[in-house]
Structure formats: structure tokens, C-alpha cells
Amino acid sequence: MNKVVLAALGLILARDCDIGGPGFHGPGPIQGTWGGENAGLMAFDTTAHVHIGCTAGDTKQAVVADAQGRFDVPGRYNITLYPVARGPDHPARFTGSTDGHVMTLTVMLTDTAVTLGPVQLELGREPRMGPCPICRKPAR
């Protein structure tokens, strides 16, 4: 094949397969807004903010997936957040997997037996939080 045809095929694949945008494209950081029913994740380059129901937490680092799309990240999570934050923030593990468009997420508090999820989230979808609005973005 000539170089022009190969370049055109590459551009079509990048456009149609959403290669290079936010989300997950092989091993590496997951970014963007991921939403579902009563759940959401806002992933940044150095941290992520999660809501499941009327609870919320933050990772202590970027969410980075392995070659199979799996991740396991430490953080803090508050299960007594709404309507008034009563604390405390518990140590937690944020685990799950993604194919780049759909994510399964579970939050496990490591100092108690509490597990939230699994929940299913979609990249680019605004979270629908019901009576609990997404209340804050993590401090940068």
C-alpha cells in the first residue's frame, strides 16, 4: 500500500475508534467524566473524585489501568456525607475495569466491611445523582 492510503486509514481509525481522546486507550491513566445512575467519577491527571449515592471520596493518585483495563487505586472515602458531612474519611481502595467507554467501579473501605458498588459508568455521561448532587471537585 502506498503511504497516503496508510495515513488515511490511520486517520479514519483515530476518528471512528475515538483513539487519543479522554478515557482509556491501553495501559495508562484514565481521565474524563464517567457517569451512571447515582454514581460518577471525575478523573484528572493526578487524582479522581468519586460519588456513589450520597457518599464521596478521592483517590490519592491518578487512576491508571493495566493492559487489561483493570485498576486498583488507594484513597479516602466518606460514607456519611449527605445531608451533612459527619466524617470521618475512611481509607479506601478504588477498584474496577474499563474498556475505554464503560467502567465497572467498586469502592472498598479498608478499615471496615463496607463495600460500595459495583456500579457501571459511561465515559462522557453526566452522573445522575438523584437527591445527592455532586457536591465538590477535589482541591488541586
Protein backbone atom coordinates (compact mmCIF):
# COMPACT_ATOMS: atom_id res chain seq x y z
CA MET A 1 0.00 0.00 0.00
CA ASN A 2 1.19 3.47 -0.54
CA LYS A 3 1.86 5.89 2.29
CA VAL A 4 -1.16 8.11 1.51
CA VAL A 5 -3.59 5.19 1.83
CA LEU A 6 -2.00 4.07 5.11
CA ALA A 7 -2.15 7.61 6.51
CA ALA A 8 -5.82 7.91 5.53
CA LEU A 9 -6.63 4.57 7.20
CA GLY A 10 -4.87 5.76 10.35
CA LEU A 11 -6.92 8.97 10.43
CA ILE A 12 -10.17 7.04 9.91
CA LEU A 13 -9.31 4.64 12.74
CA ALA A 14 -8.41 7.52 15.06
CA ARG A 15 -11.71 9.26 14.27
CA ASP A 16 -14.02 6.25 14.33
CA CYS A 17 -12.41 4.43 17.26
CA ASP A 18 -12.00 7.56 19.42
CA ILE A 19 -8.25 6.96 19.70
CA GLY A 20 -6.41 9.70 21.56
CA GLY A 21 -9.28 11.36 23.42
CA PRO A 22 -10.11 11.16 27.13
CA GLY A 23 -10.86 7.77 28.59
CA PHE A 24 -8.72 4.67 28.33
CA HIS A 25 -6.63 3.57 25.37
CA GLY A 26 -4.45 0.77 26.63
CA PRO A 27 -2.39 0.80 29.79
CA GLY A 28 -2.19 4.23 31.37
CA PRO A 29 -4.20 6.95 33.09
CA ILE A 30 -7.99 7.13 32.89
CA GLN A 31 -9.37 10.66 32.54
CA GLY A 32 -12.67 12.42 31.96
CA THR A 33 -16.17 12.41 33.42
CA TRP A 34 -17.76 8.99 33.85
CA GLY A 35 -21.44 8.87 34.82
CA GLY A 36 -24.14 6.40 35.73
CA GLU A 37 -27.24 6.05 37.88
CA ASN A 38 -26.44 7.52 41.30
CA ALA A 39 -22.71 7.26 40.58
CA GLY A 40 -19.98 9.29 38.98
CA LEU A 41 -16.23 9.58 38.63
CA MET A 42 -14.28 12.66 37.59
CA ALA A 43 -10.75 11.55 36.70
CA PHE A 44 -7.89 14.01 36.38
CA ASP A 45 -4.19 13.58 35.64
CA THR A 46 -3.23 13.36 39.36
CA THR A 47 -6.41 12.32 41.22
CA ALA A 48 -10.06 11.30 40.85
CA HIS A 49 -13.27 12.21 42.66
CA VAL A 50 -16.00 9.56 43.10
CA HIS A 51 -19.65 9.62 44.16
CA ILE A 52 -21.77 6.55 44.77
CA GLY A 53 -25.18 7.50 46.13
CA CYS A 54 -24.87 10.10 48.87
CA THR A 55 -21.20 9.28 49.53
CA ALA A 56 -17.97 10.64 48.09
CA GLY A 57 -14.25 10.14 48.04
CA ASP A 58 -10.99 10.94 46.34
CA THR A 59 -8.08 8.88 45.11
CA LYS A 60 -4.58 9.79 46.24
CA GLN A 61 -3.20 9.44 42.71
CA ALA A 62 -4.28 9.14 39.09
CA VAL A 63 -6.40 6.12 38.17
CA VAL A 64 -4.07 4.07 36.00
CA ALA A 65 -5.26 0.97 34.17
CA ASP A 66 -3.15 -2.03 33.23
CA ALA A 67 -3.11 -3.66 29.78
CA GLN A 68 -6.44 -5.42 30.53
CA GLY A 69 -8.11 -2.17 31.66
CA ARG A 70 -8.05 -3.07 35.37
CA PHE A 71 -7.16 -0.62 38.13
CA ASP A 72 -6.70 -0.58 41.92
CA VAL A 73 -6.01 2.81 43.50
CA PRO A 74 -5.82 3.95 47.16
CA GLY A 75 -7.76 6.91 48.51
CA ARG A 76 -10.15 8.21 51.16
CA TYR A 77 -13.94 7.84 51.26
CA ASN A 78 -16.75 9.39 53.35
CA ILE A 79 -19.91 7.28 53.69
CA THR A 80 -21.66 9.78 56.00
CA LEU A 81 -21.62 12.76 53.68
CA TYR A 82 -25.22 13.76 52.98
CA PRO A 83 -27.10 15.84 54.00
CA VAL A 84 -24.37 16.97 56.43
CA ALA A 85 -20.83 15.63 56.28
CA ARG A 86 -20.29 13.87 59.59
CA GLY A 87 -16.99 12.22 58.65
CA PRO A 88 -14.65 10.57 59.03
CA ASP A 89 -12.94 9.90 55.74
CA HIS A 90 -12.02 6.20 55.66
CA PRO A 91 -9.03 4.67 53.88
CA ALA A 92 -10.34 3.01 50.73
CA ARG A 93 -9.44 1.09 47.57
CA PHE A 94 -10.99 2.10 44.26
CA THR A 95 -11.00 -0.97 42.00
CA GLY A 96 -12.52 -1.89 38.69
CA SER A 97 -12.03 -2.18 34.98
CA THR A 98 -12.83 -0.37 31.76
CA ASP A 99 -12.86 -0.94 28.03
CA GLY A 100 -12.46 2.79 27.41
CA HIS A 101 -16.17 3.58 27.19
CA VAL A 102 -17.77 1.62 30.05
CA MET A 103 -16.31 1.24 33.54
CA THR A 104 -17.19 -1.02 36.44
CA LEU A 105 -16.17 0.57 39.75
CA THR A 106 -16.16 -0.70 43.33
CA VAL A 107 -15.09 1.22 46.45
CA MET A 108 -13.98 -0.85 49.46
CA LEU A 109 -13.29 0.81 52.81
CA THR A 110 -10.20 -0.87 54.19
CA ASP A 111 -10.92 -0.19 57.87
CA THR A 112 -14.50 -1.55 57.86
CA ALA A 113 -16.50 -4.17 55.98
CA VAL A 114 -18.26 -1.53 53.82
CA THR A 115 -18.19 -2.02 50.05
CA LEU A 116 -19.96 0.30 47.61
CA GLY A 117 -20.79 -0.99 44.16
CA PRO A 118 -20.01 -2.32 41.76
CA VAL A 119 -21.50 0.49 39.68
CA GLN A 120 -21.40 0.89 35.93
CA LEU A 121 -20.22 4.22 34.48
CA GLU A 122 -20.02 5.54 30.92
CA LEU A 123 -17.36 7.94 29.63
CA GLY A 124 -18.76 11.38 28.81
CA ARG A 125 -22.11 10.76 30.52
CA GLU A 126 -23.15 13.20 33.24
CA PRO A 127 -23.76 11.35 36.52
CA ARG A 128 -27.42 11.24 37.60
CA MET A 129 -27.19 11.60 41.35
CA GLY A 130 -30.85 11.69 42.38
CA PRO A 131 -31.27 13.60 45.64
CA CYS A 132 -27.50 13.90 46.16
CA PRO A 133 -25.84 16.40 43.85
CA ILE A 134 -22.19 16.12 43.01
CA CYS A 135 -21.09 18.44 45.74
CA ARG A 136 -17.50 19.36 45.11
CA LYS A 137 -14.44 18.89 42.99
CA PRO A 138 -11.20 17.87 44.67
CA ALA A 139 -8.71 20.59 45.56
CA ARG A 140 -5.84 20.70 43.10
